[in-house]
PDB file of all heavy atoms in Angstrom:
ATOM      1  N   MET A   1       0.818  -1.202   0.000  1.00  0.00           N
ATOM      2  CA  MET A   1       0.000   0.000   0.000  1.00  0.00           C
ATOM      3  C   MET A   1       0.857   1.260   0.000  1.00  0.00           C
ATOM      4  O   MET A   1       0.542   2.233  -0.687  1.00  0.00           O
ATOM      5  CB  MET A   1      -0.949   0.004   1.204  1.00  0.00           C
ATOM      6  CG  MET A   1      -1.872   1.217   1.245  1.00  0.00           C
ATOM      7  SD  MET A   1      -2.793   1.506  -0.296  1.00  0.00           S
ATOM      8  CE  MET A   1      -4.000   0.193  -0.228  1.00  0.00           C
ATOM      9  N   ALA A   2       1.969   1.262   0.745  1.00  0.00           N
ATOM     10  CA  ALA A   2       2.868   2.421   0.711  1.00  0.00           C
ATOM     11  C   ALA A   2       3.402   2.629  -0.700  1.00  0.00           C
ATOM     12  O   ALA A   2       3.482   3.761  -1.198  1.00  0.00           O
ATOM     13  CB  ALA A   2       4.015   2.234   1.701  1.00  0.00           C
ATOM     14  N   ILE A   3       3.760   1.530  -1.371  1.00  0.00           N
ATOM     15  CA  ILE A   3       4.252   1.625  -2.744  1.00  0.00           C
ATOM     16  C   ILE A   3       3.141   2.125  -3.672  1.00  0.00           C
ATOM     17  O   ILE A   3       3.370   2.975  -4.536  1.00  0.00           O
ATOM     18  CB  ILE A   3       4.792   0.264  -3.217  1.00  0.00           C
ATOM     19  CG1 ILE A   3       6.065  -0.087  -2.447  1.00  0.00           C
ATOM     20  CG2 ILE A   3       5.054   0.268  -4.720  1.00  0.00           C
ATOM     21  CD1 ILE A   3       6.550  -1.511  -2.668  1.00  0.00           C
ATOM     22  N   SER A   4       1.922   1.623  -3.476  1.00  0.00           N
ATOM     23  CA  SER A   4       0.805   2.050  -4.308  1.00  0.00           C
ATOM     24  C   SER A   4       0.546   3.542  -4.165  1.00  0.00           C
ATOM     25  O   SER A   4       0.257   4.235  -5.160  1.00  0.00           O
ATOM     26  CB  SER A   4      -0.448   1.257  -3.933  1.00  0.00           C
ATOM     27  OG  SER A   4      -1.572   1.719  -4.648  1.00  0.00           O
ATOM     28  N   ILE A   5       0.650   4.051  -2.959  1.00  0.00           N
ATOM     29  CA  ILE A   5       0.485   5.493  -2.733  1.00  0.00           C
ATOM     30  C   ILE A   5       1.588   6.256  -3.451  1.00  0.00           C
ATOM     31  O   ILE A   5       1.339   7.245  -4.146  1.00  0.00           O
ATOM     32  CB  ILE A   5       0.474   5.797  -1.225  1.00  0.00           C
ATOM     33  CG1 ILE A   5      -0.817   5.249  -0.595  1.00  0.00           C
ATOM     34  CG2 ILE A   5       0.621   7.301  -0.954  1.00  0.00           C
ATOM     35  CD1 ILE A   5      -0.811   5.225   0.920  1.00  0.00           C
ATOM     36  N   ASN A   6       2.819   5.802  -3.295  1.00  0.00           N
ATOM     37  CA  ASN A   6       3.938   6.446  -3.979  1.00  0.00           C
ATOM     38  C   ASN A   6       3.731   6.461  -5.493  1.00  0.00           C
ATOM     39  O   ASN A   6       4.053   7.446  -6.164  1.00  0.00           O
ATOM     40  CB  ASN A   6       5.238   5.720  -3.629  1.00  0.00           C
ATOM     41  CG  ASN A   6       6.430   6.214  -4.440  1.00  0.00           C
ATOM     42  OD1 ASN A   6       6.764   5.647  -5.475  1.00  0.00           O
ATOM     43  ND2 ASN A   6       7.055   7.272  -3.967  1.00  0.00           N
ATOM     44  N   GLN A   7       3.210   5.363  -6.037  1.00  0.00           N
ATOM     45  CA  GLN A   7       3.094   5.184  -7.483  1.00  0.00           C
ATOM     46  C   GLN A   7       1.760   5.670  -8.047  1.00  0.00           C
ATOM     47  O   GLN A   7       1.451   5.383  -9.209  1.00  0.00           O
ATOM     48  CB  GLN A   7       3.278   3.704  -7.819  1.00  0.00           C
ATOM     49  CG  GLN A   7       4.670   3.158  -7.500  1.00  0.00           C
ATOM     50  CD  GLN A   7       5.721   3.660  -8.466  1.00  0.00           C
ATOM     51  OE1 GLN A   7       5.680   3.367  -9.658  1.00  0.00           O
ATOM     52  NE2 GLN A   7       6.663   4.452  -7.961  1.00  0.00           N
ATOM     53  N   ASP A   8       0.995   6.402  -7.295  1.00  0.00           N
ATOM     54  CA  ASP A   8      -0.308   6.845  -7.781  1.00  0.00           C
ATOM     55  C   ASP A   8      -0.170   7.563  -9.122  1.00  0.00           C
ATOM     56  O   ASP A   8       0.668   8.456  -9.288  1.00  0.00           O
ATOM     57  CB  ASP A   8      -0.959   7.787  -6.768  1.00  0.00           C
ATOM     58  CG  ASP A   8      -2.366   8.142  -7.174  1.00  0.00           C
ATOM     59  OD1 ASP A   8      -3.277   7.324  -6.965  1.00  0.00           O
ATOM     60  OD2 ASP A   8      -2.560   9.244  -7.747  1.00  0.00           O
ATOM     61  N   PRO A   9      -0.971   7.182 -10.114  1.00  0.00           N
ATOM     62  CA  PRO A   9      -0.767   7.696 -11.479  1.00  0.00           C
ATOM     63  C   PRO A   9      -1.032   9.186 -11.645  1.00  0.00           C
ATOM     64  O   PRO A   9      -0.535   9.782 -12.609  1.00  0.00           O
ATOM     65  CB  PRO A   9      -1.738   6.858 -12.325  1.00  0.00           C
ATOM     66  CG  PRO A   9      -2.738   6.316 -11.359  1.00  0.00           C
ATOM     67  CD  PRO A   9      -2.013   6.126 -10.069  1.00  0.00           C
ATOM     68  N   MET A  10      -1.786   9.815 -10.743  1.00  0.00           N
ATOM     69  CA  MET A  10      -1.964  11.266 -10.870  1.00  0.00           C
ATOM     70  C   MET A  10      -0.646  11.995 -10.644  1.00  0.00           C
ATOM     71  O   MET A  10      -0.431  13.087 -11.181  1.00  0.00           O
ATOM     72  CB  MET A  10      -3.013  11.778  -9.885  1.00  0.00           C
ATOM     73  CG  MET A  10      -4.422  11.469 -10.273  1.00  0.00           C
ATOM     74  SD  MET A  10      -5.629  12.625  -9.552  1.00  0.00           S
ATOM     75  CE  MET A  10      -5.249  12.534  -7.813  1.00  0.00           C
ATOM     76  N   GLY A  11       0.221  11.433  -9.822  1.00  0.00           N
ATOM     77  CA  GLY A  11       1.555  11.997  -9.656  1.00  0.00           C
ATOM     78  C   GLY A  11       1.606  13.331  -8.943  1.00  0.00           C
ATOM     79  O   GLY A  11       2.529  14.118  -9.164  1.00  0.00           O
ATOM     80  N   ILE A  12       0.633  13.612  -8.084  1.00  0.00           N
ATOM     81  CA  ILE A  12       0.616  14.887  -7.363  1.00  0.00           C
ATOM     82  C   ILE A  12       1.415  14.740  -6.069  1.00  0.00           C
ATOM     83  O   ILE A  12       1.120  13.871  -5.241  1.00  0.00           O
ATOM     84  CB  ILE A  12      -0.821  15.342  -7.047  1.00  0.00           C
ATOM     85  CG1 ILE A  12      -1.612  15.515  -8.347  1.00  0.00           C
ATOM     86  CG2 ILE A  12      -0.815  16.631  -6.247  1.00  0.00           C
ATOM     87  CD1 ILE A  12      -3.085  15.799  -8.127  1.00  0.00           C
ATOM     88  N   GLN A  13       2.406  15.574  -5.892  1.00  0.00           N
ATOM     89  CA  GLN A  13       3.218  15.537  -4.675  1.00  0.00           C
ATOM     90  C   GLN A  13       2.404  16.058  -3.492  1.00  0.00           C
ATOM     91  O   GLN A  13       1.669  17.038  -3.610  1.00  0.00           O
ATOM     92  CB  GLN A  13       4.471  16.389  -4.864  1.00  0.00           C
ATOM     93  CG  GLN A  13       5.429  16.357  -3.688  1.00  0.00           C
ATOM     94  CD  GLN A  13       6.750  17.043  -4.014  1.00  0.00           C
ATOM     95  OE1 GLN A  13       7.261  16.925  -5.119  1.00  0.00           O
ATOM     96  NE2 GLN A  13       7.306  17.742  -3.044  1.00  0.00           N
ATOM     97  N   GLY A  14       2.522  15.388  -2.340  1.00  0.00           N
ATOM     98  CA  GLY A  14       1.755  15.766  -1.163  1.00  0.00           C
ATOM     99  C   GLY A  14       2.386  16.906  -0.389  1.00  0.00           C
ATOM    100  O   GLY A  14       3.480  17.373  -0.687  1.00  0.00           O
ATOM    101  N   ARG A  15       1.658  17.329   0.652  1.00  0.00           N
ATOM    102  CA  ARG A  15       2.089  18.489   1.422  1.00  0.00           C
ATOM    103  C   ARG A  15       1.869  18.278   2.920  1.00  0.00           C
ATOM    104  O   ARG A  15       1.084  17.422   3.340  1.00  0.00           O
ATOM    105  CB  ARG A  15       1.355  19.739   0.967  1.00  0.00           C
ATOM    106  CG  ARG A  15      -0.140  19.722   1.219  1.00  0.00           C
ATOM    107  CD  ARG A  15      -0.781  21.084   0.917  1.00  0.00           C
ATOM    108  NE  ARG A  15      -0.488  21.600  -0.404  1.00  0.00           N
ATOM    109  CZ  ARG A  15       0.233  22.709  -0.614  1.00  0.00           C
ATOM    110  NH1 ARG A  15       0.740  23.398   0.403  1.00  0.00           N
ATOM    111  NH2 ARG A  15       0.447  23.136  -1.844  1.00  0.00           N
ATOM    112  N   ARG A  16       2.558  19.082   3.710  1.00  0.00           N
ATOM    113  CA  ARG A  16       2.288  19.132   5.154  1.00  0.00           C
ATOM    114  C   ARG A  16       1.122  20.084   5.378  1.00  0.00           C
ATOM    115  O   ARG A  16       1.126  21.216   4.896  1.00  0.00           O
ATOM    116  CB  ARG A  16       3.522  19.628   5.909  1.00  0.00           C
ATOM    117  CG  ARG A  16       3.336  19.660   7.419  1.00  0.00           C
ATOM    118  CD  ARG A  16       4.655  19.922   8.140  1.00  0.00           C
ATOM    119  NE  ARG A  16       5.248  21.191   7.707  1.00  0.00           N
ATOM    120  CZ  ARG A  16       6.535  21.520   7.909  1.00  0.00           C
ATOM    121  NH1 ARG A  16       7.347  20.663   8.511  1.00  0.00           N
ATOM    122  NH2 ARG A  16       7.002  22.676   7.494  1.00  0.00           N
ATOM    123  N   ILE A  17       0.105  19.628   6.121  1.00  0.00           N
ATOM    124  CA  ILE A  17      -1.078  20.451   6.341  1.00  0.00           C
ATOM    125  C   ILE A  17      -1.241  20.877   7.792  1.00  0.00           C
ATOM    126  O   ILE A  17      -2.030  21.778   8.086  1.00  0.00           O
ATOM    127  CB  ILE A  17      -2.362  19.738   5.855  1.00  0.00           C
ATOM    128  CG1 ILE A  17      -2.561  18.398   6.573  1.00  0.00           C
ATOM    129  CG2 ILE A  17      -2.333  19.553   4.348  1.00  0.00           C
ATOM    130  CD1 ILE A  17      -3.899  17.723   6.252  1.00  0.00           C
ATOM    131  N   VAL A  18      -0.522  20.245   8.710  1.00  0.00           N
ATOM    132  CA  VAL A  18      -0.596  20.601  10.134  1.00  0.00           C
ATOM    133  C   VAL A  18       0.801  20.502  10.722  1.00  0.00           C
ATOM    134  O   VAL A  18       1.533  19.544  10.464  1.00  0.00           O
ATOM    135  CB  VAL A  18      -1.549  19.661  10.910  1.00  0.00           C
ATOM    136  CG1 VAL A  18      -1.496  19.972  12.407  1.00  0.00           C
ATOM    137  CG2 VAL A  18      -2.976  19.770  10.394  1.00  0.00           C
ATOM    138  N   LYS A  19       1.155  21.502  11.532  1.00  0.00           N
ATOM    139  CA  LYS A  19       2.403  21.469  12.293  1.00  0.00           C
ATOM    140  C   LYS A  19       2.101  21.970  13.690  1.00  0.00           C
ATOM    141  O   LYS A  19       1.915  23.169  13.909  1.00  0.00           O
ATOM    142  CB  LYS A  19       3.478  22.325  11.624  1.00  0.00           C
ATOM    143  CG  LYS A  19       4.852  22.223  12.277  1.00  0.00           C
ATOM    144  CD  LYS A  19       5.898  23.025  11.516  1.00  0.00           C
ATOM    145  CE  LYS A  19       7.275  22.851  12.151  1.00  0.00           C
ATOM    146  NZ  LYS A  19       8.310  23.647  11.417  1.00  0.00           N
ATOM    147  N   GLU A  20       2.023  21.036  14.652  1.00  0.00           N
ATOM    148  CA  GLU A  20       1.622  21.356  16.010  1.00  0.00           C
ATOM    149  C   GLU A  20       2.845  21.631  16.898  1.00  0.00           C
ATOM    150  O   GLU A  20       3.916  21.064  16.700  1.00  0.00           O
ATOM    151  CB  GLU A  20       0.821  20.190  16.621  1.00  0.00           C
ATOM    152  CG  GLU A  20      -0.405  19.782  15.843  1.00  0.00           C
ATOM    153  CD  GLU A  20      -1.600  20.678  16.103  1.00  0.00           C
ATOM    154  OE1 GLU A  20      -1.424  21.766  16.720  1.00  0.00           O
ATOM    155  OE2 GLU A  20      -2.710  20.304  15.700  1.00  0.00           O
ATOM    156  N   LYS A  21       2.646  22.485  17.914  1.00  0.00           N
ATOM    157  CA  LYS A  21       3.703  22.745  18.891  1.00  0.00           C
ATOM    158  C   LYS A  21       4.063  21.493  19.674  1.00  0.00           C
ATOM    159  O   LYS A  21       5.160  21.371  20.214  1.00  0.00           O
ATOM    160  CB  LYS A  21       3.273  23.852  19.844  1.00  0.00           C
ATOM    161  CG  LYS A  21       3.178  25.226  19.194  1.00  0.00           C
ATOM    162  CD  LYS A  21       2.769  26.284  20.203  1.00  0.00           C
ATOM    163  CE  LYS A  21       2.681  27.661  19.532  1.00  0.00           C
ATOM    164  NZ  LYS A  21       2.252  28.704  20.506  1.00  0.00           N
ATOM    165  N   SER A  22       3.151  20.555  19.718  1.00  0.00           N
ATOM    166  CA  SER A  22       3.391  19.301  20.448  1.00  0.00           C
ATOM    167  C   SER A  22       4.427  18.416  19.763  1.00  0.00           C
ATOM    168  O   SER A  22       4.901  17.439  20.359  1.00  0.00           O
ATOM    169  CB  SER A  22       2.082  18.517  20.569  1.00  0.00           C
ATOM    170  OG  SER A  22       1.602  18.140  19.278  1.00  0.00           O
ATOM    171  N   GLY A  23       4.780  18.734  18.524  1.00  0.00           N
ATOM    172  CA  GLY A  23       5.718  17.901  17.774  1.00  0.00           C
ATOM    173  C   GLY A  23       5.043  16.966  16.799  1.00  0.00           C
ATOM    174  O   GLY A  23       5.701  16.168  16.130  1.00  0.00           O
ATOM    175  N   ILE A  24       3.716  17.065  16.701  1.00  0.00           N
ATOM    176  CA  ILE A  24       2.966  16.260  15.738  1.00  0.00           C
ATOM    177  C   ILE A  24       2.785  17.050  14.453  1.00  0.00           C
ATOM    178  O   ILE A  24       2.451  18.237  14.471  1.00  0.00           O
ATOM    179  CB  ILE A  24       1.591  15.856  16.314  1.00  0.00           C
ATOM    180  CG1 ILE A  24       1.762  14.974  17.539  1.00  0.00           C
ATOM    181  CG2 ILE A  24       0.758  15.145  15.245  1.00  0.00           C
ATOM    182  CD1 ILE A  24       2.408  13.632  17.268  1.00  0.00           C
ATOM    183  N   GLU A  25       3.012  16.379  13.324  1.00  0.00           N
ATOM    184  CA  GLU A  25       2.771  16.974  12.021  1.00  0.00           C
ATOM    185  C   GLU A  25       1.887  16.036  11.217  1.00  0.00           C
ATOM    186  O   GLU A  25       1.949  14.808  11.384  1.00  0.00           O
ATOM    187  CB  GLU A  25       4.088  17.231  11.289  1.00  0.00           C
ATOM    188  CG  GLU A  25       5.003  18.199  12.037  1.00  0.00           C
ATOM    189  CD  GLU A  25       6.336  18.436  11.356  1.00  0.00           C
ATOM    190  OE1 GLU A  25       6.518  17.927  10.221  1.00  0.00           O
ATOM    191  OE2 GLU A  25       7.184  19.112  11.959  1.00  0.00           O
ATOM    192  N   VAL A  26       1.072  16.616  10.340  1.00  0.00           N
ATOM    193  CA  VAL A  26       0.172  15.828   9.497  1.00  0.00           C
ATOM    194  C   VAL A  26       0.454  16.173   8.040  1.00  0.00           C
ATOM    195  O   VAL A  26       0.564  17.350   7.673  1.00  0.00           O
ATOM    196  CB  VAL A  26      -1.308  16.094   9.827  1.00  0.00           C
ATOM    197  CG1 VAL A  26      -2.207  15.175   8.993  1.00  0.00           C
ATOM    198  CG2 VAL A  26      -1.577  15.896  11.317  1.00  0.00           C
ATOM    199  N   PHE A  27       0.558  15.126   7.221  1.00  0.00           N
ATOM    200  CA  PHE A  27       0.847  15.269   5.799  1.00  0.00           C
ATOM    201  C   PHE A  27      -0.291  14.632   5.012  1.00  0.00           C
ATOM    202  O   PHE A  27      -0.883  13.636   5.439  1.00  0.00           O
ATOM    203  CB  PHE A  27       2.168  14.589   5.458  1.00  0.00           C
ATOM    204  CG  PHE A  27       3.343  15.107   6.247  1.00  0.00           C
ATOM    205  CD1 PHE A  27       3.592  14.630   7.532  1.00  0.00           C
ATOM    206  CD2 PHE A  27       4.181  16.074   5.723  1.00  0.00           C
ATOM    207  CE1 PHE A  27       4.671  15.109   8.273  1.00  0.00           C
ATOM    208  CE2 PHE A  27       5.258  16.557   6.450  1.00  0.00           C
ATOM    209  CZ  PHE A  27       5.504  16.077   7.737  1.00  0.00           C
ATOM    210  N   TRP A  28      -0.541  15.190   3.845  1.00  0.00           N
ATOM    211  CA  TRP A  28      -1.680  14.740   3.025  1.00  0.00           C
ATOM    212  C   TRP A  28      -1.272  14.697   1.568  1.00  0.00           C
ATOM    213  O   TRP A  28      -0.518  15.552   1.080  1.00  0.00           O
ATOM    214  CB  TRP A  28      -2.840  15.713   3.218  1.00  0.00           C
ATOM    215  CG  TRP A  28      -3.981  15.543   2.253  1.00  0.00           C
ATOM    216  CD1 TRP A  28      -5.013  14.662   2.347  1.00  0.00           C
ATOM    217  CD2 TRP A  28      -4.212  16.307   1.066  1.00  0.00           C
ATOM    218  NE1 TRP A  28      -5.876  14.819   1.276  1.00  0.00           N
ATOM    219  CE2 TRP A  28      -5.400  15.831   0.487  1.00  0.00           C
ATOM    220  CE3 TRP A  28      -3.527  17.350   0.429  1.00  0.00           C
ATOM    221  CZ2 TRP A  28      -5.936  16.348  -0.689  1.00  0.00           C
ATOM    222  CZ3 TRP A  28      -4.046  17.868  -0.749  1.00  0.00           C
ATOM    223  CH2 TRP A  28      -5.240  17.364  -1.291  1.00  0.00           C
ATOM    224  N   ARG A  29      -1.764  13.668   0.866  1.00  0.00           N
ATOM    225  CA  ARG A  29      -1.540  13.579  -0.575  1.00  0.00           C
ATOM    226  C   ARG A  29      -2.817  13.139  -1.264  1.00  0.00           C
ATOM    227  O   ARG A  29      -3.418  12.121  -0.877  1.00  0.00           O
ATOM    228  CB  ARG A  29      -0.418  12.584  -0.887  1.00  0.00           C
ATOM    229  CG  ARG A  29      -0.119  12.505  -2.381  1.00  0.00           C
ATOM    230  CD  ARG A  29       0.985  11.533  -2.736  1.00  0.00           C
ATOM    231  NE  ARG A  29       1.068  11.417  -4.188  1.00  0.00           N
ATOM    232  CZ  ARG A  29       1.808  10.538  -4.833  1.00  0.00           C
ATOM    233  NH1 ARG A  29       2.562   9.670  -4.158  1.00  0.00           N
ATOM    234  NH2 ARG A  29       1.804  10.498  -6.149  1.00  0.00           N
ATOM    235  N   PRO A  30      -3.256  13.853  -2.300  1.00  0.00           N
ATOM    236  CA  PRO A  30      -4.427  13.418  -3.065  1.00  0.00           C
ATOM    237  C   PRO A  30      -4.053  12.266  -3.990  1.00  0.00           C
ATOM    238  O   PRO A  30      -2.970  12.256  -4.591  1.00  0.00           O
ATOM    239  CB  PRO A  30      -4.815  14.663  -3.861  1.00  0.00           C
ATOM    240  CG  PRO A  30      -3.518  15.391  -4.060  1.00  0.00           C
ATOM    241  CD  PRO A  30      -2.698  15.115  -2.832  1.00  0.00           C
ATOM    242  N   LEU A  31      -4.970  11.312  -4.126  1.00  0.00           N
ATOM    243  CA  LEU A  31      -4.726  10.124  -4.931  1.00  0.00           C
ATOM    244  C   LEU A  31      -5.874   9.908  -5.920  1.00  0.00           C
ATOM    245  O   LEU A  31      -6.915  10.565  -5.834  1.00  0.00           O
ATOM    246  CB  LEU A  31      -4.578   8.893  -4.029  1.00  0.00           C
ATOM    247  CG  LEU A  31      -3.509   8.967  -2.940  1.00  0.00           C
ATOM    248  CD1 LEU A  31      -3.627   7.772  -1.998  1.00  0.00           C
ATOM    249  CD2 LEU A  31      -2.110   9.049  -3.551  1.00  0.00           C
ATOM    250  N   SER A  32      -5.684   8.977  -6.803  1.00  0.00           N
ATOM    251  CA  SER A  32      -6.714   8.646  -7.787  1.00  0.00           C
ATOM    252  C   SER A  32      -7.974   8.116  -7.100  1.00  0.00           C
ATOM    253  O   SER A  32      -7.940   7.653  -5.954  1.00  0.00           O
ATOM    254  CB  SER A  32      -6.186   7.594  -8.753  1.00  0.00           C
ATOM    255  OG  SER A  32      -5.005   8.030  -9.390  1.00  0.00           O
ATOM    256  N   ASN A  33      -9.089   8.176  -7.811  1.00  0.00           N
ATOM    257  CA  ASN A  33     -10.373   7.603  -7.368  1.00  0.00           C
ATOM    258  C   ASN A  33     -10.880   8.237  -6.080  1.00  0.00           C
ATOM    259  O   ASN A  33     -11.445   7.566  -5.208  1.00  0.00           O
ATOM    260  CB  ASN A  33     -10.245   6.080  -7.182  1.00  0.00           C
ATOM    261  CG  ASN A  33      -9.841   5.387  -8.461  1.00  0.00           C
ATOM    262  OD1 ASN A  33     -10.384   5.685  -9.532  1.00  0.00           O
ATOM    263  ND2 ASN A  33      -8.882   4.481  -8.370  1.00  0.00           N
ATOM    264  N   ASN A  34     -10.671   9.560  -5.950  1.00  0.00           N
ATOM    265  CA  ASN A  34     -11.137  10.308  -4.783  1.00  0.00           C
ATOM    266  C   ASN A  34     -10.528   9.830  -3.470  1.00  0.00           C
ATOM    267  O   ASN A  34     -11.086  10.083  -2.399  1.00  0.00           O
ATOM    268  CB  ASN A  34     -12.676  10.253  -4.667  1.00  0.00           C
ATOM    269  CG  ASN A  34     -13.354  11.136  -5.701  1.00  0.00           C
ATOM    270  OD1 ASN A  34     -12.856  12.214  -6.014  1.00  0.00           O
ATOM    271  ND2 ASN A  34     -14.464  10.662  -6.236  1.00  0.00           N
ATOM    272  N   ALA A  35      -9.440   9.121  -3.543  1.00  0.00           N
ATOM    273  CA  ALA A  35      -8.749   8.667  -2.337  1.00  0.00           C
ATOM    274  C   ALA A  35      -7.670   9.675  -1.950  1.00  0.00           C
ATOM    275  O   ALA A  35      -7.391  10.634  -2.669  1.00  0.00           O
ATOM    276  CB  ALA A  35      -8.145   7.288  -2.558  1.00  0.00           C
ATOM    277  N   SER A  36      -7.078   9.438  -0.789  1.00  0.00           N
ATOM    278  CA  SER A  36      -5.990  10.294  -0.322  1.00  0.00           C
ATOM    279  C   SER A  36      -5.163   9.503   0.675  1.00  0.00           C
ATOM    280  O   SER A  36      -5.554   8.423   1.129  1.00  0.00           O
ATOM    281  CB  SER A  36      -6.537  11.571   0.326  1.00  0.00           C
ATOM    282  OG  SER A  36      -7.394  11.252   1.415  1.00  0.00           O
TER     283      SER A  36
END
């Protein structure tokens, strides 16, 4: 599944969407078929 996400045919590079003071960060990438 990690490889499938990397190889998604749309080829859109993901981004960091949250950076908390607690040290937690959240990253998001859009994928084919309305997935992410």
